[in-house]
N, C-alpha and C. Protein backbone atom coordinates (compact mmCIF):
# COMPACT_ATOMS: atom_id res chain seq x y z
N MET A 1 93.39 93.86 48.46
CA MET A 1 93.15 94.76 49.59
C MET A 1 92.25 94.65 50.54
N SER A 2 91.15 93.85 50.04
CA SER A 2 89.95 93.55 51.01
C SER A 2 90.68 92.14 51.54
N ARG A 3 91.60 91.29 50.90
CA ARG A 3 91.75 90.03 51.50
C ARG A 3 92.70 90.72 52.70
N LEU A 4 93.84 91.73 52.74
CA LEU A 4 94.49 92.33 53.92
C LEU A 4 93.93 92.23 54.84
N TYR A 5 92.62 92.86 54.70
CA TYR A 5 91.83 93.61 55.82
C TYR A 5 91.25 92.29 56.60
N LEU A 6 90.91 91.11 55.55
CA LEU A 6 90.25 89.81 56.56
C LEU A 6 91.50 89.17 57.29
N ALA A 7 92.49 88.91 56.44
CA ALA A 7 93.75 88.42 57.46
C ALA A 7 93.62 89.20 58.79
N CYS A 8 93.60 90.23 58.42
CA CYS A 8 94.25 90.99 59.28
C CYS A 8 93.39 90.97 60.83
N GLY A 9 92.10 90.93 60.10
CA GLY A 9 91.05 91.04 61.20
C GLY A 9 90.70 89.58 61.63
N GLY A 10 91.07 88.45 61.13
CA GLY A 10 91.20 87.19 61.40
C GLY A 10 91.91 87.18 62.70
N LEU A 11 93.35 87.61 62.44
CA LEU A 11 94.54 87.29 63.23
C LEU A 11 94.04 88.33 64.55
N LEU A 12 93.64 89.10 64.44
CA LEU A 12 92.95 90.09 65.57
C LEU A 12 92.22 89.24 66.53
N ILE A 13 91.08 88.56 65.66
CA ILE A 13 90.24 87.96 66.77
C ILE A 13 91.06 86.96 67.30
N ALA A 14 91.86 86.15 66.24
CA ALA A 14 92.63 85.18 67.19
C ALA A 14 93.34 85.16 68.88
N LEU A 15 94.27 86.71 68.38
CA LEU A 15 95.09 87.09 69.67
C LEU A 15 94.10 87.34 70.30
N ALA A 16 92.78 87.59 70.13
CA ALA A 16 91.72 88.60 71.21
C ALA A 16 91.87 87.20 72.21
N LEU A 17 91.38 85.89 71.47
CA LEU A 17 90.56 84.76 72.02
C LEU A 17 91.88 84.25 72.76
N THR A 18 92.98 84.32 72.59
CA THR A 18 94.09 83.57 73.37
C THR A 18 94.87 84.41 73.89
N SER A 19 94.50 85.70 74.17
CA SER A 19 95.33 86.45 74.96
C SER A 19 94.79 86.74 76.43
N VAL A 20 95.83 86.79 77.59
CA VAL A 20 95.95 87.05 79.20
C VAL A 20 94.96 88.13 79.39
N ASP A 21 93.81 87.85 80.23
CA ASP A 21 93.24 89.37 80.75
C ASP A 21 94.10 89.70 81.87
N VAL A 22 95.16 91.04 81.04
CA VAL A 22 96.20 91.79 81.97
C VAL A 22 94.82 92.54 83.08
N GLY A 23 95.58 93.03 84.23
CA GLY A 23 94.75 93.98 85.20
C GLY A 23 94.03 92.42 85.78
N ALA A 24 93.77 91.62 85.78
CA ALA A 24 92.43 90.92 86.07
C ALA A 24 92.96 89.57 86.29
N ASN A 25 94.55 89.46 86.73
CA ASN A 25 95.55 88.22 87.03
C ASN A 25 94.31 87.23 88.12
N ASN A 26 94.86 86.43 87.99
CA ASN A 26 94.19 84.97 88.16
C ASN A 26 95.08 84.68 90.06
N GLY A 27 95.51 85.79 90.43
CA GLY A 27 96.36 86.29 91.67
C GLY A 27 97.49 84.87 91.74
N THR A 28 98.38 84.38 90.55
CA THR A 28 99.47 83.83 90.73
C THR A 28 100.58 84.69 90.44
N HIS A 29 101.62 84.14 91.36
CA HIS A 29 102.93 84.94 91.27
C HIS A 29 103.26 85.33 89.67
N ARG A 30 103.18 84.44 89.05
CA ARG A 30 103.65 85.00 87.36
C ARG A 30 102.37 86.00 86.65
N ASP A 31 101.32 85.60 87.41
CA ASP A 31 100.38 86.80 86.76
C ASP A 31 100.67 88.25 87.21
N VAL A 32 100.95 88.05 88.51
CA VAL A 32 100.93 89.82 89.04
C VAL A 32 102.61 89.94 88.73
N ILE A 33 103.66 89.38 88.29
CA ILE A 33 104.98 89.83 87.87
C ILE A 33 104.63 90.23 86.42
N ARG A 34 103.88 89.54 85.95
CA ARG A 34 103.71 89.76 84.09
C ARG A 34 103.42 90.97 84.06
N ASP A 35 102.03 91.25 84.96
CA ASP A 35 101.47 92.48 84.87
C ASP A 35 102.02 93.89 85.42
N PHE A 36 102.63 93.87 86.80
CA PHE A 36 103.59 94.87 86.73
C PHE A 36 104.84 95.20 85.98
N LEU A 37 105.50 94.04 85.19
CA LEU A 37 106.13 94.34 84.22
C LEU A 37 105.98 94.88 82.74
N ILE A 38 104.52 94.43 82.88
CA ILE A 38 103.55 95.93 81.46
C ILE A 38 103.77 97.08 81.82
N VAL A 39 103.23 97.29 83.58
CA VAL A 39 103.10 98.47 83.81
C VAL A 39 104.58 98.90 83.88
N LYS A 40 105.57 98.69 83.88
CA LYS A 40 106.73 99.29 83.62
C LYS A 40 107.04 99.49 82.49
N TYR A 41 106.74 98.25 81.52
CA TYR A 41 107.01 98.75 80.12
C TYR A 41 106.25 100.35 79.53
N CYS A 42 104.76 100.29 80.26
CA CYS A 42 104.14 101.12 79.15
C CYS A 42 104.24 102.79 80.16
N GLY A 43 105.40 102.64 81.20
CA GLY A 43 105.57 103.76 81.83
C GLY A 43 104.77 104.19 82.94
N PHE A 44 103.65 103.35 83.32
CA PHE A 44 103.00 103.88 84.61
C PHE A 44 103.44 103.48 85.70
N ASP A 45 104.35 103.04 85.91
CA ASP A 45 105.11 102.75 87.36
C ASP A 45 105.11 103.85 88.19
N SER A 46 104.97 103.80 89.39
CA SER A 46 105.38 104.99 90.08
C SER A 46 105.25 104.24 91.34
N TYR A 47 105.71 105.06 92.70
CA TYR A 47 105.59 104.65 93.98
C TYR A 47 104.25 104.25 94.07
N ASP A 48 103.08 104.85 94.34
CA ASP A 48 101.97 104.01 94.64
C ASP A 48 101.31 102.72 93.98
N VAL A 49 101.74 102.21 92.68
CA VAL A 49 102.14 101.24 91.83
C VAL A 49 102.88 100.14 92.55
N THR A 50 104.05 100.18 92.44
CA THR A 50 105.13 99.52 93.16
C THR A 50 104.59 99.29 94.49
N ALA A 51 104.24 99.88 95.45
CA ALA A 51 103.54 99.40 96.81
C ALA A 51 102.41 98.68 96.45
N GLY A 52 101.62 98.93 95.44
CA GLY A 52 100.64 97.69 95.43
C GLY A 52 100.96 96.46 94.97
N PHE A 53 102.17 96.60 94.11
CA PHE A 53 102.47 95.38 93.46
C PHE A 53 103.29 94.45 94.62
N ARG A 54 104.06 95.23 95.97
CA ARG A 54 104.68 94.52 96.96
C ARG A 54 103.73 93.91 97.78
N ILE A 55 102.71 94.92 98.09
CA ILE A 55 101.68 93.97 98.56
C ILE A 55 101.06 92.59 98.65
N GLU A 56 100.94 93.01 97.44
CA GLU A 56 100.24 91.55 96.11
C GLU A 56 101.10 90.75 96.32
N ILE A 57 102.43 90.88 96.21
CA ILE A 57 103.23 89.78 96.23
C ILE A 57 103.46 89.23 97.52
N MET A 58 103.65 90.31 98.70
CA MET A 58 103.24 89.69 100.28
C MET A 58 102.45 88.92 100.51
N ARG A 59 101.09 89.08 100.33
CA ARG A 59 99.93 88.24 100.34
C ARG A 59 100.07 86.95 99.56
N LEU A 60 100.64 87.18 98.14
CA LEU A 60 100.92 85.65 97.72
C LEU A 60 101.64 84.73 99.00
N ILE A 61 102.83 85.25 99.13
CA ILE A 61 103.97 84.69 99.99
C ILE A 61 103.10 84.15 101.34
N ASP A 62 102.60 85.23 101.99
CA ASP A 62 101.80 84.63 103.36
C ASP A 62 100.77 83.69 103.02
N ASP A 63 99.89 83.67 101.96
CA ASP A 63 99.35 82.50 101.94
C ASP A 63 99.85 81.42 101.51
N GLY A 64 100.85 81.33 101.36
CA GLY A 64 101.54 80.19 100.90
C GLY A 64 101.59 79.58 98.98
N LYS A 65 101.31 80.41 98.44
CA LYS A 65 100.84 80.50 97.27
C LYS A 65 102.39 80.61 96.59
N THR A 66 102.97 80.54 96.77
CA THR A 66 104.50 80.64 96.27
C THR A 66 105.31 80.09 97.28
N SER A 67 106.56 79.62 96.60
CA SER A 67 107.84 79.45 97.28
C SER A 67 109.19 80.11 96.77
N SER A 68 110.42 80.36 97.24
CA SER A 68 111.56 80.98 96.73
C SER A 68 111.64 80.08 95.58
N SER A 69 111.74 78.86 95.40
CA SER A 69 112.16 78.27 94.10
C SER A 69 111.39 78.40 92.82
N ALA A 70 109.90 78.39 93.24
CA ALA A 70 109.28 78.50 92.57
C ALA A 70 108.90 80.03 91.65
N ALA A 71 109.55 80.67 92.64
CA ALA A 71 109.10 82.27 92.55
C ALA A 71 110.30 82.63 91.37
N GLN A 72 111.43 81.92 91.30
CA GLN A 72 112.24 82.40 90.55
C GLN A 72 111.65 81.96 89.15
N ILE A 73 111.42 80.75 88.89
CA ILE A 73 110.73 80.29 87.74
C ILE A 73 109.71 81.03 87.07
N ASP A 74 108.82 81.83 88.42
CA ASP A 74 107.35 82.46 87.87
C ASP A 74 108.38 84.11 87.40
N ARG A 75 109.28 84.70 88.00
CA ARG A 75 110.04 85.85 87.53
C ARG A 75 110.65 85.61 85.83
N ALA A 76 111.16 84.71 85.90
CA ALA A 76 111.69 84.21 84.82
C ALA A 76 110.77 83.92 83.12
N ALA A 77 109.87 83.20 83.53
CA ALA A 77 108.77 82.66 82.98
C ALA A 77 107.97 84.31 82.58
N ALA A 78 107.63 85.56 83.31
CA ALA A 78 106.85 86.49 83.53
C ALA A 78 107.45 87.44 82.36
N ALA A 79 108.75 87.33 82.66
CA ALA A 79 109.99 88.21 81.93
C ALA A 79 109.62 88.07 80.90
N GLU A 80 110.21 86.57 80.38
CA GLU A 80 110.17 85.79 78.92
C GLU A 80 108.88 86.26 77.73
N GLU A 81 107.53 86.49 79.00
CA GLU A 81 106.63 86.27 78.36
C GLU A 81 105.86 87.87 77.99
N VAL A 82 106.34 88.94 78.85
CA VAL A 82 106.30 90.32 78.29
C VAL A 82 107.42 90.66 77.54
N ARG A 83 108.42 89.82 77.41
CA ARG A 83 109.47 90.43 76.09
C ARG A 83 108.87 89.53 75.00
N ARG A 84 108.34 88.81 75.05
CA ARG A 84 107.70 88.07 73.69
C ARG A 84 106.79 88.78 73.23
N ASP A 85 105.84 89.26 74.25
CA ASP A 85 104.31 89.70 73.87
C ASP A 85 104.27 90.94 73.90
N TRP A 86 105.02 91.72 74.28
CA TRP A 86 105.47 93.04 74.67
C TRP A 86 106.47 93.74 73.88
N THR A 87 107.85 93.76 74.18
CA THR A 87 108.59 94.42 74.57
C THR A 87 109.29 94.14 72.95
N ASN A 88 109.07 93.00 72.19
CA ASN A 88 109.39 92.65 71.01
C ASN A 88 108.88 92.95 69.84
N ARG A 89 107.90 94.31 70.14
CA ARG A 89 107.43 94.48 69.07
C ARG A 89 107.78 96.00 68.49
N GLY A 90 108.52 96.55 69.21
CA GLY A 90 109.27 97.93 69.32
C GLY A 90 108.22 99.27 69.46
N SER A 91 106.87 99.04 69.65
CA SER A 91 106.37 100.26 69.97
C SER A 91 106.75 101.21 70.95
N GLY A 92 107.49 100.46 71.94
CA GLY A 92 107.54 101.59 73.24
C GLY A 92 106.28 101.61 73.99
N HIS A 93 106.49 102.70 74.46
CA HIS A 93 105.19 103.66 75.54
C HIS A 93 104.49 104.08 74.66
N ALA A 94 104.31 104.55 73.08
CA ALA A 94 103.34 104.24 72.24
C ALA A 94 101.87 103.25 71.65
N ASP A 95 102.47 101.83 72.60
CA ASP A 95 101.90 100.45 72.21
C ASP A 95 100.47 100.92 72.58
N PRO A 96 99.29 100.74 71.70
CA PRO A 96 98.01 101.36 71.86
C PRO A 96 97.50 100.18 73.45
N ARG A 97 97.84 99.13 73.29
CA ARG A 97 97.88 98.38 74.41
C ARG A 97 97.65 98.65 75.75
N CYS A 98 98.94 99.97 75.67
CA CYS A 98 99.15 100.13 77.26
C CYS A 98 98.13 101.18 77.80
N MET A 99 96.99 101.57 76.92
CA MET A 99 96.09 102.50 77.26
C MET A 99 94.82 101.54 77.97
N THR A 100 94.96 100.46 77.79
CA THR A 100 93.64 99.35 77.83
C THR A 100 94.75 98.49 78.91
N LYS A 101 95.21 97.73 78.37
CA LYS A 101 95.68 96.45 78.96
C LYS A 101 96.91 96.77 80.07
N GLY A 102 97.60 97.90 79.82
CA GLY A 102 98.51 98.86 80.74
C GLY A 102 97.64 99.55 82.02
N ARG A 103 97.17 100.03 81.60
CA ARG A 103 96.14 101.01 82.42
C ARG A 103 95.67 100.29 83.40
N ALA A 104 94.53 99.03 83.00
CA ALA A 104 94.30 98.24 83.81
C ALA A 104 94.75 97.45 84.53
N ALA A 105 96.32 96.75 84.75
CA ALA A 105 97.01 96.38 85.44
C ALA A 105 97.55 97.45 86.47
N MET A 106 97.58 98.78 86.10
CA MET A 106 98.32 100.03 87.18
C MET A 106 96.81 100.37 87.97
N ASP A 107 95.75 100.11 87.38
CA ASP A 107 94.54 100.31 88.17
C ASP A 107 94.04 99.38 89.36
N HIS A 108 94.90 98.20 89.03
CA HIS A 108 94.79 97.20 89.97
C HIS A 108 95.76 96.92 91.17
N PHE A 109 97.02 97.59 90.74
CA PHE A 109 98.29 97.57 91.85
C PHE A 109 97.66 98.56 92.49
N LEU A 110 96.97 99.99 92.02
CA LEU A 110 96.46 100.90 92.89
C LEU A 110 95.30 100.42 93.89
N ALA A 111 94.49 99.60 93.29
CA ALA A 111 93.54 99.40 93.77
C ALA A 111 93.77 98.39 95.21
N VAL A 112 94.87 97.41 94.96
CA VAL A 112 95.47 96.70 96.03
C VAL A 112 96.34 97.57 97.18
N LEU A 113 96.62 98.73 96.69
CA LEU A 113 97.37 99.29 97.83
C LEU A 113 96.27 100.36 98.50
N TYR A 114 94.81 100.31 97.97
CA TYR A 114 94.06 101.32 98.96
C TYR A 114 93.17 100.63 99.62
N ASN A 115 93.31 99.18 99.17
CA ASN A 115 92.28 98.38 99.63
C ASN A 115 91.22 98.06 98.86
N GLU A 116 91.19 98.36 97.92
CA GLU A 116 89.87 98.04 97.09
C GLU A 116 89.90 96.68 96.42
N LYS A 117 90.96 95.92 96.36
CA LYS A 117 90.86 94.72 96.41
C LYS A 117 91.09 93.76 97.61
């Protein structure tokens, strides 16, 4: 039994060291889309959150940090990443990461909307 706990602990540490910091994205188009898809997965999307997401996307476009061809690739890559790392686990809205990473992403978009970021 203790071996199982050690194995699970080691796996959690490895995942924590390689995980992406949701909510504090690097400002890339892919990261912003990934964070928004996580917000939707967790059920935290609202009019205000969506507005913050759109503002951030428009900033990236205005700053020239993305193009239409790169945006399509980024959307597909972000969707695959969320599918692989989040929706493929079958937890749904009960996923405990929603209360940490999902909420952080939601708070980020609300901060963008209310000019706090």
